[in-house]
Amino acid sequence: MLCTNILYWTWMCLFLFNAHMQDAVVTAHTADLTWMLVACALVLLMTPALACFYAGMVRSKNALNTMMMSVVALGPVALVWALGGYSLAFAPGNAFIGSFDFVALRGVDLAPHHGMPHLLFMTFQGTFAVITTALISGALVERLRFPVYLAFIGLWLVAVYAPVAHWIWGGGFLAGDGALDFAGGTVSHVNAAAAALDAALVVGPRRDYGRQAMLPHSVPLTLMGTGLLWFGWFGFNGGSALGASTSAALAFVNTFLAPAAALSTWIVIDLVRSGRATAIGAATAIVVGLVVITPAAGYVGPLAAIAMGGLGVVPSYVALILRARTRLDDSLDVVAAHGLGGATGAVLTGLFADPAWSGGPAGLLAGHPDQLRIQLVGLVVVIAYSGAATFVILRAMALVVPLRDDARTEGVGMDVTQHGEEAYTTGDGAILITPGERLPRSTAAASPALSGGAS
């Protein structure tokens, strides 16, 4: 009888324990799925946030066009990604490019993939592709024809972003070498900045660049965009853990601390240098801090994140000052903020990566000095490829269509000439230009850019 009772209660304990463990597994899976759905939405929000961030820094006559260059990526880029770009980046292939296995979402269904439904993983990665292409527009605002931009971002996604994503995140040769990029410091920010640099050189400066003050028309709009970017970036970095895990928590906290350190450092430099802390400088500092921590978000501890944020803004601050003295018209300083910020973050990841926090790779300070070399090699490869491929794409397009309109058209403003609308109405209302209609002479005559004033 005693043996029977022991066996009975042993069986009951095992049954209850097994039921509890099954509930725990279901709960964990539900938490992972919930977090990734939220993270996906947060990253998608970053693209309209970028539109606000960029638009506030241009002249009012180009504000709508600048916003459209970000927002429009939500359409064609997302479709190109789903139909082909995702396959080239993440389908099993070789060291340089994925295969066509996932073209037109073939085999991309609700089956588990990286701990979530495959469709959700594809969508999450697609939100990264969207904002990366939109970042490039910051170097081309106020002059590039909108139809040309649409064609360019589609071609660039397939020819540049998808291969680079495969090299680092899809099992390509840089991943095999051990390159670390937790959430896209190299894949997104350095990649986009290298393209932005070459694009600015090919397209050329704005007609009145260097001859007329080009002041931000709405600093509050830029600050609002900055806040929304920071909010979305918690999904950008935290979601890159691909689940509701301690790694996601670490990335989340580091995404809070690094920009805080960057903002504090930038303000101190501003006050020492000029006695004033500017709002545009504060917005730029936050974005640089976010970019710097992106490659390291899940690999470093919180104190290292603070150090990275404080150190990372210095190269970008210097680059902004030096760029203003050149003829390079990187209109919204994509290279200084995203390029140098991403590169600095990648190198500092090789310095601060700590297995005590991540349970994974180690950097120089944790006893793996070769990680610095690996990070530098990855940067050089991505910068060289992205810059060269972007140059080829734009030069080839220039053989077929003009990349920009004439001086008079640019003087009137890209809002009216490219979209037939204005961001802000004056007098009796907005100007409406129908397809094929010539610009009204009264508009051109009233344009501050053509009459010598700032707008």
Protein backbone atom coordinates (compact mmCIF):
# COMPACT_ATOMS: atom_id res chain seq x y z
CA MET A 1 0.00 0.00 0.00
CA LEU A 2 2.80 2.38 0.88
CA CYS A 3 4.56 1.64 -2.40
CA THR A 4 1.32 2.24 -4.27
CA ASN A 5 0.86 5.63 -2.61
CA ILE A 6 4.45 6.63 -3.32
CA LEU A 7 4.09 5.69 -6.97
CA TYR A 8 0.76 7.53 -7.21
CA TRP A 9 2.04 10.78 -5.73
CA THR A 10 5.27 10.56 -7.71
CA TRP A 11 3.24 10.22 -10.89
CA MET A 12 0.99 13.14 -9.88
CA CYS A 13 4.01 15.36 -9.17
CA LEU A 14 5.55 14.51 -12.51
CA PHE A 15 2.25 15.16 -14.27
CA LEU A 16 1.78 18.54 -12.61
CA PHE A 17 5.41 19.51 -13.24
CA ASN A 18 5.11 18.57 -16.91
CA ALA A 19 1.87 20.58 -17.22
CA HIS A 20 3.56 23.54 -15.55
CA MET A 21 6.54 23.31 -17.90
CA GLN A 22 4.25 23.14 -20.93
CA ASP A 23 2.43 26.26 -19.69
CA ALA A 24 5.79 27.96 -19.18
CA VAL A 25 6.87 27.11 -22.72
CA VAL A 26 3.57 28.41 -24.12
CA THR A 27 3.90 31.58 -22.02
CA ALA A 28 7.48 32.13 -23.18
CA HIS A 29 6.51 31.61 -26.81
CA THR A 30 3.60 34.03 -26.44
CA ALA A 31 5.87 36.65 -24.85
CA ASP A 32 8.41 36.27 -27.67
CA LEU A 33 5.72 36.59 -30.31
CA THR A 34 4.13 39.59 -28.63
CA TRP A 35 7.42 41.42 -28.28
CA MET A 36 8.38 40.82 -31.89
CA LEU A 37 5.00 42.08 -33.13
CA VAL A 38 5.47 45.24 -31.06
CA ALA A 39 9.11 45.63 -32.15
CA CYS A 40 8.11 45.30 -35.79
CA ALA A 41 5.57 48.12 -35.40
CA LEU A 42 8.11 50.27 -33.54
CA VAL A 43 10.70 49.97 -36.32
CA LEU A 44 8.07 50.76 -38.94
CA LEU A 45 7.22 53.94 -37.02
CA MET A 46 10.84 55.06 -37.42
CA THR A 47 10.38 55.80 -41.12
CA PRO A 48 7.67 58.50 -40.71
CA ALA A 49 9.69 59.68 -37.68
CA LEU A 50 12.69 60.07 -39.96
CA ALA A 51 10.48 62.03 -42.35
CA CYS A 52 9.74 64.55 -39.59
CA PHE A 53 13.38 64.65 -38.45
CA TYR A 54 14.62 65.40 -41.97
CA ALA A 55 11.80 67.73 -43.03
CA GLY A 56 12.31 70.14 -40.16
CA MET A 57 15.88 70.79 -41.28
CA VAL A 58 15.13 71.83 -44.87
CA ARG A 59 13.57 75.00 -46.29
CA SER A 60 9.78 75.21 -46.17
CA LYS A 61 9.39 74.97 -49.95
CA ASN A 62 10.97 71.49 -49.86
CA ALA A 63 9.46 70.12 -46.63
CA LEU A 64 6.76 67.98 -48.24
CA ASN A 65 9.15 66.50 -50.79
CA THR A 66 11.64 65.67 -48.05
CA MET A 67 8.98 63.88 -46.03
CA MET A 68 7.81 62.00 -49.11
CA MET A 69 11.32 60.71 -49.80
CA SER A 70 11.13 58.86 -46.48
CA VAL A 71 7.45 57.92 -46.45
CA VAL A 72 7.42 56.56 -50.00
CA ALA A 73 9.93 53.88 -49.01
CA LEU A 74 7.09 52.23 -47.09
CA GLY A 75 5.56 51.26 -50.43
CA PRO A 76 7.90 50.05 -53.20
CA VAL A 77 10.79 49.12 -50.92
CA ALA A 78 8.55 46.95 -48.76
CA LEU A 79 7.15 45.20 -51.84
CA VAL A 80 10.55 44.66 -53.47
CA TRP A 81 11.81 43.28 -50.17
CA ALA A 82 8.95 40.81 -49.82
CA LEU A 83 9.04 39.65 -53.44
CA GLY A 84 12.81 39.31 -53.91
CA GLY A 85 15.09 41.24 -51.58
CA TYR A 86 14.40 39.04 -48.59
CA SER A 87 15.34 35.93 -50.52
CA LEU A 88 18.63 37.42 -51.68
CA ALA A 89 19.47 38.43 -48.10
CA PHE A 90 18.28 35.46 -46.04
CA ALA A 91 17.63 32.43 -48.24
CA PRO A 92 20.35 29.75 -48.07
CA GLY A 93 22.98 30.60 -50.66
CA ASN A 94 26.71 31.10 -50.81
CA ALA A 95 29.11 33.41 -48.98
CA PHE A 96 28.14 36.41 -51.08
CA ILE A 97 24.42 36.23 -51.85
CA GLY A 98 21.33 34.27 -50.92
CA SER A 99 19.37 32.12 -53.34
CA PHE A 100 15.94 32.44 -54.97
CA ASP A 101 14.34 29.95 -52.57
CA PHE A 102 12.16 32.60 -50.90
CA VAL A 103 11.27 34.64 -54.02
CA ALA A 104 7.64 35.80 -53.98
CA LEU A 105 7.48 34.51 -50.38
CA ARG A 106 7.72 30.90 -51.50
CA GLY A 107 8.24 28.83 -48.36
CA VAL A 108 7.79 31.87 -46.12
CA ASP A 109 4.84 30.86 -43.95
CA LEU A 110 3.81 30.55 -40.32
CA ALA A 111 6.31 27.82 -39.48
CA PRO A 112 8.86 28.76 -36.76
CA HIS A 113 11.92 30.61 -38.03
CA HIS A 114 14.40 32.18 -35.59
CA GLY A 115 11.85 31.65 -32.82
CA MET A 116 8.89 33.29 -34.56
CA PRO A 117 6.65 32.71 -37.60
CA HIS A 118 8.73 33.00 -40.75
CA LEU A 119 6.41 35.66 -42.13
CA LEU A 120 7.00 37.83 -39.07
CA PHE A 121 10.77 37.45 -39.33
CA MET A 122 10.59 38.53 -42.98
CA THR A 123 8.47 41.54 -42.04
CA PHE A 124 10.72 42.57 -39.16
CA GLN A 125 13.75 42.50 -41.43
CA GLY A 126 11.73 44.38 -44.05
CA THR A 127 11.21 47.32 -41.70
CA PHE A 128 15.00 47.61 -41.49
CA ALA A 129 15.28 47.60 -45.28
CA VAL A 130 12.69 50.38 -45.53
CA ILE A 131 14.34 52.82 -43.14
CA THR A 132 17.84 52.08 -44.45
CA THR A 133 16.90 53.16 -47.97
CA ALA A 134 15.09 56.22 -46.59
CA LEU A 135 18.24 57.31 -44.72
CA ILE A 136 20.03 57.94 -48.02
CA SER A 137 17.57 60.68 -48.96
CA GLY A 138 19.09 63.00 -46.36
CA ALA A 139 22.05 63.62 -48.66
CA LEU A 140 19.87 64.28 -51.72
CA VAL A 141 17.02 66.48 -50.53
CA GLU A 142 16.03 69.71 -52.31
CA ARG A 143 17.31 68.62 -55.72
CA LEU A 144 16.81 64.98 -56.81
CA ARG A 145 13.80 64.33 -59.07
CA PHE A 146 11.22 62.22 -57.28
CA PRO A 147 10.68 59.58 -60.03
CA VAL A 148 14.46 59.10 -60.18
CA TYR A 149 14.55 58.60 -56.43
CA LEU A 150 11.81 55.97 -56.62
CA ALA A 151 13.74 53.96 -59.20
CA PHE A 152 16.99 54.38 -57.32
CA ILE A 153 15.79 53.04 -53.97
CA GLY A 154 14.32 49.95 -55.61
CA LEU A 155 17.55 49.18 -57.45
CA TRP A 156 19.69 49.97 -54.41
CA LEU A 157 17.71 47.62 -52.18
CA VAL A 158 18.34 44.67 -54.50
CA ALA A 159 21.91 45.48 -55.57
CA VAL A 160 23.33 46.79 -52.28
CA TYR A 161 21.23 46.32 -49.17
CA ALA A 162 20.27 42.68 -49.74
CA PRO A 163 23.86 41.47 -50.39
CA VAL A 164 25.27 43.39 -47.41
CA ALA A 165 22.53 42.04 -45.14
CA HIS A 166 23.41 38.54 -46.34
CA TRP A 167 27.12 39.02 -45.66
CA ILE A 168 26.53 39.86 -41.99
CA TRP A 169 23.09 38.54 -40.98
CA GLY A 170 22.37 35.88 -43.59
CA GLY A 171 25.37 33.63 -43.07
CA GLY A 172 27.70 35.36 -45.54
CA PHE A 173 31.46 35.71 -45.44
CA LEU A 174 31.60 38.57 -42.93
CA ALA A 175 29.45 36.58 -40.52
CA GLY A 176 31.80 33.65 -41.03
CA ASP A 177 34.72 35.89 -40.17
CA GLY A 178 33.00 36.82 -36.90
CA ALA A 179 31.84 40.39 -37.65
CA LEU A 180 29.51 41.71 -34.93
CA ASP A 181 26.50 43.85 -35.79
CA PHE A 182 23.67 43.32 -33.33
CA ALA A 183 21.07 45.59 -34.91
CA GLY A 184 22.46 47.25 -38.04
CA GLY A 185 25.26 49.69 -37.31
CA THR A 186 27.07 48.45 -40.42
CA VAL A 187 24.24 46.83 -42.38
CA SER A 188 21.95 49.86 -42.10
CA HIS A 189 23.79 53.02 -41.07
CA VAL A 190 27.28 52.67 -42.53
CA ASN A 191 25.81 51.10 -45.65
CA ALA A 192 23.35 53.96 -46.18
CA ALA A 193 25.96 56.62 -45.40
CA ALA A 194 28.44 55.23 -47.92
CA ALA A 195 25.69 55.32 -50.53
CA ALA A 196 24.69 58.83 -49.45
CA LEU A 197 28.25 60.10 -49.88
CA ASP A 198 28.59 58.81 -53.43
CA ALA A 199 25.06 59.89 -54.31
CA ALA A 200 25.75 63.45 -53.13
CA LEU A 201 28.90 63.54 -55.26
CA VAL A 202 27.17 62.20 -58.37
CA VAL A 203 24.05 64.37 -58.12
CA GLY A 204 26.03 67.46 -57.11
CA PRO A 205 25.25 70.28 -54.67
CA ARG A 206 22.07 72.33 -54.56
CA ARG A 207 22.09 75.25 -56.99
CA ASP A 208 22.40 77.88 -54.27
CA TYR A 209 24.58 75.85 -51.90
CA GLY A 210 27.32 78.04 -50.44
CA ARG A 211 25.71 81.24 -51.76
CA GLN A 212 22.63 81.45 -49.59
CA ALA A 213 21.75 80.55 -46.02
CA MET A 214 19.79 77.29 -45.88
CA LEU A 215 18.25 77.39 -42.44
CA PRO A 216 15.95 74.77 -40.90
CA HIS A 217 12.35 75.88 -41.33
CA SER A 218 10.94 73.96 -38.31
CA VAL A 219 13.25 72.92 -35.50
CA PRO A 220 10.26 71.72 -33.41
CA LEU A 221 9.38 69.26 -36.21
CA THR A 222 12.92 67.90 -36.09
CA LEU A 223 12.76 67.53 -32.31
CA MET A 224 9.45 65.68 -32.58
CA GLY A 225 10.98 63.36 -35.17
CA THR A 226 13.93 62.76 -32.87
CA GLY A 227 11.68 61.71 -30.02
CA LEU A 228 9.75 59.31 -32.27
CA LEU A 229 12.99 57.89 -33.62
CA TRP A 230 14.25 57.19 -30.11
CA PHE A 231 10.92 55.55 -29.25
CA GLY A 232 11.05 53.34 -32.35
CA TRP A 233 14.72 52.52 -31.77
CA PHE A 234 13.78 50.45 -28.71
CA GLY A 235 12.19 48.06 -31.20
CA PHE A 236 15.09 48.42 -33.62
CA ASN A 237 17.68 47.32 -31.06
CA GLY A 238 15.56 45.40 -28.56
CA GLY A 239 13.77 43.51 -31.30
CA SER A 240 17.07 42.38 -32.78
CA ALA A 241 17.32 39.92 -29.89
CA LEU A 242 14.50 38.13 -31.78
CA GLY A 243 12.55 37.44 -28.60
CA ALA A 244 11.55 38.64 -25.14
CA SER A 245 14.84 37.65 -23.55
CA THR A 246 17.53 39.03 -21.30
CA SER A 247 19.38 40.03 -24.46
CA ALA A 248 16.40 42.17 -25.46
CA ALA A 249 16.36 43.75 -22.01
CA LEU A 250 20.08 44.55 -22.26
CA ALA A 251 19.67 46.09 -25.73
CA PHE A 252 16.65 48.06 -24.48
CA VAL A 253 18.55 49.56 -21.54
CA ASN A 254 21.61 50.35 -23.67
CA THR A 255 19.33 52.13 -26.15
CA PHE A 256 18.26 54.34 -23.26
CA LEU A 257 21.71 55.04 -21.84
CA ALA A 258 23.93 55.58 -24.90
CA PRO A 259 21.90 58.48 -26.41
CA ALA A 260 21.65 60.04 -22.96
CA ALA A 261 25.45 60.04 -22.71
CA ALA A 262 25.77 61.30 -26.28
CA LEU A 263 23.36 64.17 -25.65
CA SER A 264 25.16 65.17 -22.44
CA THR A 265 28.56 65.13 -24.14
CA TRP A 266 27.33 67.12 -27.15
CA ILE A 267 25.78 69.81 -24.95
CA VAL A 268 29.01 70.19 -22.98
CA ILE A 269 31.04 70.53 -26.19
CA ASP A 270 28.53 73.08 -27.55
CA LEU A 271 28.65 75.15 -24.37
CA VAL A 272 32.44 75.11 -24.19
CA ARG A 273 32.84 75.91 -27.88
CA SER A 274 30.14 78.56 -28.41
CA GLY A 275 28.37 79.18 -25.13
CA ARG A 276 25.07 77.91 -26.61
CA ALA A 277 23.43 74.51 -26.71
CA THR A 278 21.39 74.29 -29.92
CA ALA A 279 18.23 72.26 -30.40
CA ILE A 280 19.43 70.91 -33.76
CA GLY A 281 22.66 69.87 -32.05
CA ALA A 282 20.69 68.08 -29.34
CA ALA A 283 18.60 66.22 -31.91
CA THR A 284 21.71 65.23 -33.84
CA ALA A 285 23.45 64.05 -30.66
CA ILE A 286 20.57 61.75 -29.75
CA VAL A 287 20.54 60.19 -33.20
CA VAL A 288 24.32 59.73 -33.19
CA GLY A 289 24.14 58.07 -29.78
CA LEU A 290 21.46 55.70 -31.06
CA VAL A 291 23.52 54.86 -34.14
CA VAL A 292 26.69 54.27 -32.11
CA ILE A 293 25.06 51.75 -29.76
CA THR A 294 23.17 49.91 -32.51
CA PRO A 295 25.92 47.41 -33.45
CA ALA A 296 26.72 46.74 -29.80
CA ALA A 297 23.30 46.91 -28.12
CA GLY A 298 23.15 43.27 -27.04
CA TYR A 299 26.90 42.71 -26.67
CA VAL A 300 28.00 45.30 -24.08
CA GLY A 301 27.12 46.21 -20.53
CA PRO A 302 25.35 49.44 -19.50
CA LEU A 303 28.52 51.25 -18.41
CA ALA A 304 30.15 50.43 -21.72
CA ALA A 305 27.04 51.79 -23.46
CA ILE A 306 27.45 55.07 -21.60
CA ALA A 307 31.11 55.22 -22.61
CA MET A 308 30.22 54.44 -26.24
CA GLY A 309 27.61 57.19 -26.32
CA GLY A 310 29.99 59.76 -24.84
CA LEU A 311 32.92 58.83 -27.05
CA GLY A 312 30.90 58.22 -30.19
CA VAL A 313 29.63 61.76 -30.67
CA VAL A 314 33.09 63.32 -30.86
CA PRO A 315 34.01 62.15 -34.41
CA SER A 316 30.56 63.13 -35.67
CA TYR A 317 30.74 66.58 -34.07
CA VAL A 318 34.13 67.25 -35.67
CA ALA A 319 32.95 65.92 -39.03
CA LEU A 320 29.95 68.25 -39.04
CA ILE A 321 32.21 71.25 -38.54
CA LEU A 322 34.68 70.17 -41.23
CA ARG A 323 32.00 69.22 -43.78
CA ALA A 324 30.52 72.72 -43.63
CA ARG A 325 33.83 74.08 -44.95
CA THR A 326 33.77 71.90 -48.07
CA ARG A 327 31.76 71.78 -51.29
CA LEU A 328 30.26 68.42 -50.33
CA ASP A 329 26.52 68.99 -50.07
CA ASP A 330 25.53 66.14 -47.79
CA SER A 331 22.44 68.18 -47.04
CA LEU A 332 21.42 66.65 -43.69
CA ASP A 333 24.81 65.17 -42.74
CA VAL A 334 24.03 61.51 -43.26
CA VAL A 335 27.75 60.72 -43.46
CA ALA A 336 28.68 62.47 -40.22
CA ALA A 337 25.74 61.19 -38.16
CA HIS A 338 25.07 57.73 -39.56
CA GLY A 339 28.33 56.90 -41.31
CA LEU A 340 30.82 57.99 -38.70
CA GLY A 341 28.40 57.11 -35.89
CA GLY A 342 27.93 53.60 -37.23
CA ALA A 343 31.64 53.12 -37.93
CA THR A 344 32.61 54.37 -34.48
CA GLY A 345 30.03 52.06 -32.93
CA ALA A 346 31.32 49.08 -34.90
CA VAL A 347 34.90 49.69 -33.77
CA LEU A 348 33.86 50.27 -30.15
CA THR A 349 31.88 47.02 -30.29
CA GLY A 350 35.17 45.30 -31.03
CA LEU A 351 36.58 47.01 -27.95
CA PHE A 352 33.76 46.62 -25.41
CA ALA A 353 31.94 43.38 -26.36
CA ASP A 354 31.64 41.47 -23.10
CA PRO A 355 30.53 37.82 -22.78
CA ALA A 356 29.81 38.44 -19.10
CA TRP A 357 26.77 40.45 -20.24
CA SER A 358 25.89 38.83 -23.55
CA GLY A 359 27.03 35.26 -23.03
CA GLY A 360 28.52 35.54 -26.49
CA PRO A 361 31.40 37.25 -28.29
CA ALA A 362 34.29 39.04 -26.62
CA GLY A 363 36.08 42.21 -27.62
CA LEU A 364 39.55 43.57 -26.93
CA LEU A 365 38.92 44.38 -23.27
CA ALA A 366 37.50 40.89 -22.71
CA GLY A 367 40.58 39.19 -24.14
CA HIS A 368 39.85 38.99 -27.89
CA PRO A 369 41.92 41.71 -29.59
CA ASP A 370 41.38 40.24 -33.07
CA GLN A 371 37.76 41.39 -32.91
CA LEU A 372 38.92 44.92 -33.68
CA ARG A 373 40.51 43.74 -36.93
CA ILE A 374 37.37 41.82 -37.85
CA GLN A 375 35.21 44.90 -37.28
CA LEU A 376 37.51 47.10 -39.36
CA VAL A 377 37.56 44.63 -42.24
CA GLY A 378 33.76 44.53 -42.24
CA LEU A 379 33.56 48.31 -42.34
CA VAL A 380 36.01 48.65 -45.23
CA VAL A 381 34.24 45.99 -47.29
CA VAL A 382 30.77 47.46 -46.80
CA ILE A 383 31.87 51.07 -47.41
CA ALA A 384 33.76 50.13 -50.57
CA TYR A 385 30.98 48.00 -52.01
CA SER A 386 28.09 50.29 -51.14
CA GLY A 387 29.88 53.37 -52.46
CA ALA A 388 30.97 51.72 -55.71
CA ALA A 389 27.61 50.09 -56.40
CA THR A 390 25.72 53.33 -55.69
CA PHE A 391 28.02 55.21 -58.08
CA VAL A 392 27.35 52.66 -60.84
CA ILE A 393 23.58 52.71 -60.29
CA LEU A 394 23.28 56.50 -60.45
CA ARG A 395 25.67 56.89 -63.38
CA ALA A 396 23.72 54.27 -65.31
CA MET A 397 20.44 56.01 -64.50
CA ALA A 398 21.92 59.36 -65.61
CA LEU A 399 22.48 57.86 -69.06
CA VAL A 400 18.75 57.29 -69.37
CA VAL A 401 17.04 60.12 -67.46
CA PRO A 402 18.17 63.44 -65.93
CA LEU A 403 18.73 63.13 -62.20
CA ARG A 404 17.59 66.67 -61.43
CA ASP A 405 15.63 69.55 -62.95
CA ASP A 406 16.83 72.98 -64.00
CA ALA A 407 17.72 75.84 -61.66
CA ARG A 408 14.34 77.57 -62.02
CA THR A 409 12.47 74.42 -61.03
CA GLU A 410 14.66 73.89 -57.97
CA GLY A 411 14.28 77.55 -57.09
CA VAL A 412 10.49 77.29 -56.97
CA GLY A 413 10.80 74.33 -54.62
CA MET A 414 10.47 70.57 -54.87
CA ASP A 415 7.07 70.50 -53.18
CA VAL A 416 5.32 72.29 -56.03
CA THR A 417 7.40 70.97 -58.92
CA GLN A 418 7.52 67.30 -57.87
CA HIS A 419 4.16 66.87 -56.11
CA GLY A 420 1.92 69.75 -57.15
CA GLU A 421 1.35 70.55 -53.49
CA GLU A 422 2.75 72.70 -50.72
CA ALA A 423 3.49 71.75 -47.13
CA TYR A 424 2.15 75.10 -45.93
CA THR A 425 -0.56 77.21 -47.50
CA THR A 426 -0.43 80.98 -47.87
CA GLY A 427 -2.99 83.50 -49.08
CA ASP A 428 -5.93 81.81 -50.76
CA GLY A 429 -4.51 78.31 -50.40
CA ALA A 430 -2.00 75.88 -51.81
CA ILE A 431 -0.65 75.90 -55.33
CA LEU A 432 -1.92 73.03 -57.45
CA ILE A 433 0.08 72.02 -60.50
CA THR A 434 -1.51 69.38 -62.71
CA PRO A 435 0.62 67.00 -64.83
CA GLY A 436 2.00 68.71 -67.90
CA GLU A 437 1.16 72.19 -66.66
CA ARG A 438 3.93 74.78 -66.69
CA LEU A 439 4.97 76.50 -63.50
CA PRO A 440 3.12 79.79 -63.10
CA ARG A 441 5.40 82.78 -63.54
CA SER A 442 3.91 84.43 -60.48
CA THR A 443 5.10 81.50 -58.39
CA ALA A 444 8.61 81.70 -59.75
CA ALA A 445 8.70 85.45 -59.29
CA ALA A 446 7.48 85.18 -55.72
CA SER A 447 9.92 82.44 -54.82
CA PRO A 448 12.34 83.73 -52.18
CA ALA A 449 15.04 81.48 -53.58
CA LEU A 450 14.81 83.20 -56.96
CA SER A 451 14.57 86.68 -55.51
CA GLY A 452 17.56 86.26 -53.21
CA GLY A 453 15.86 85.67 -49.84
CA ALA A 454 15.91 82.63 -47.60
CA SER A 455 12.98 80.30 -47.33
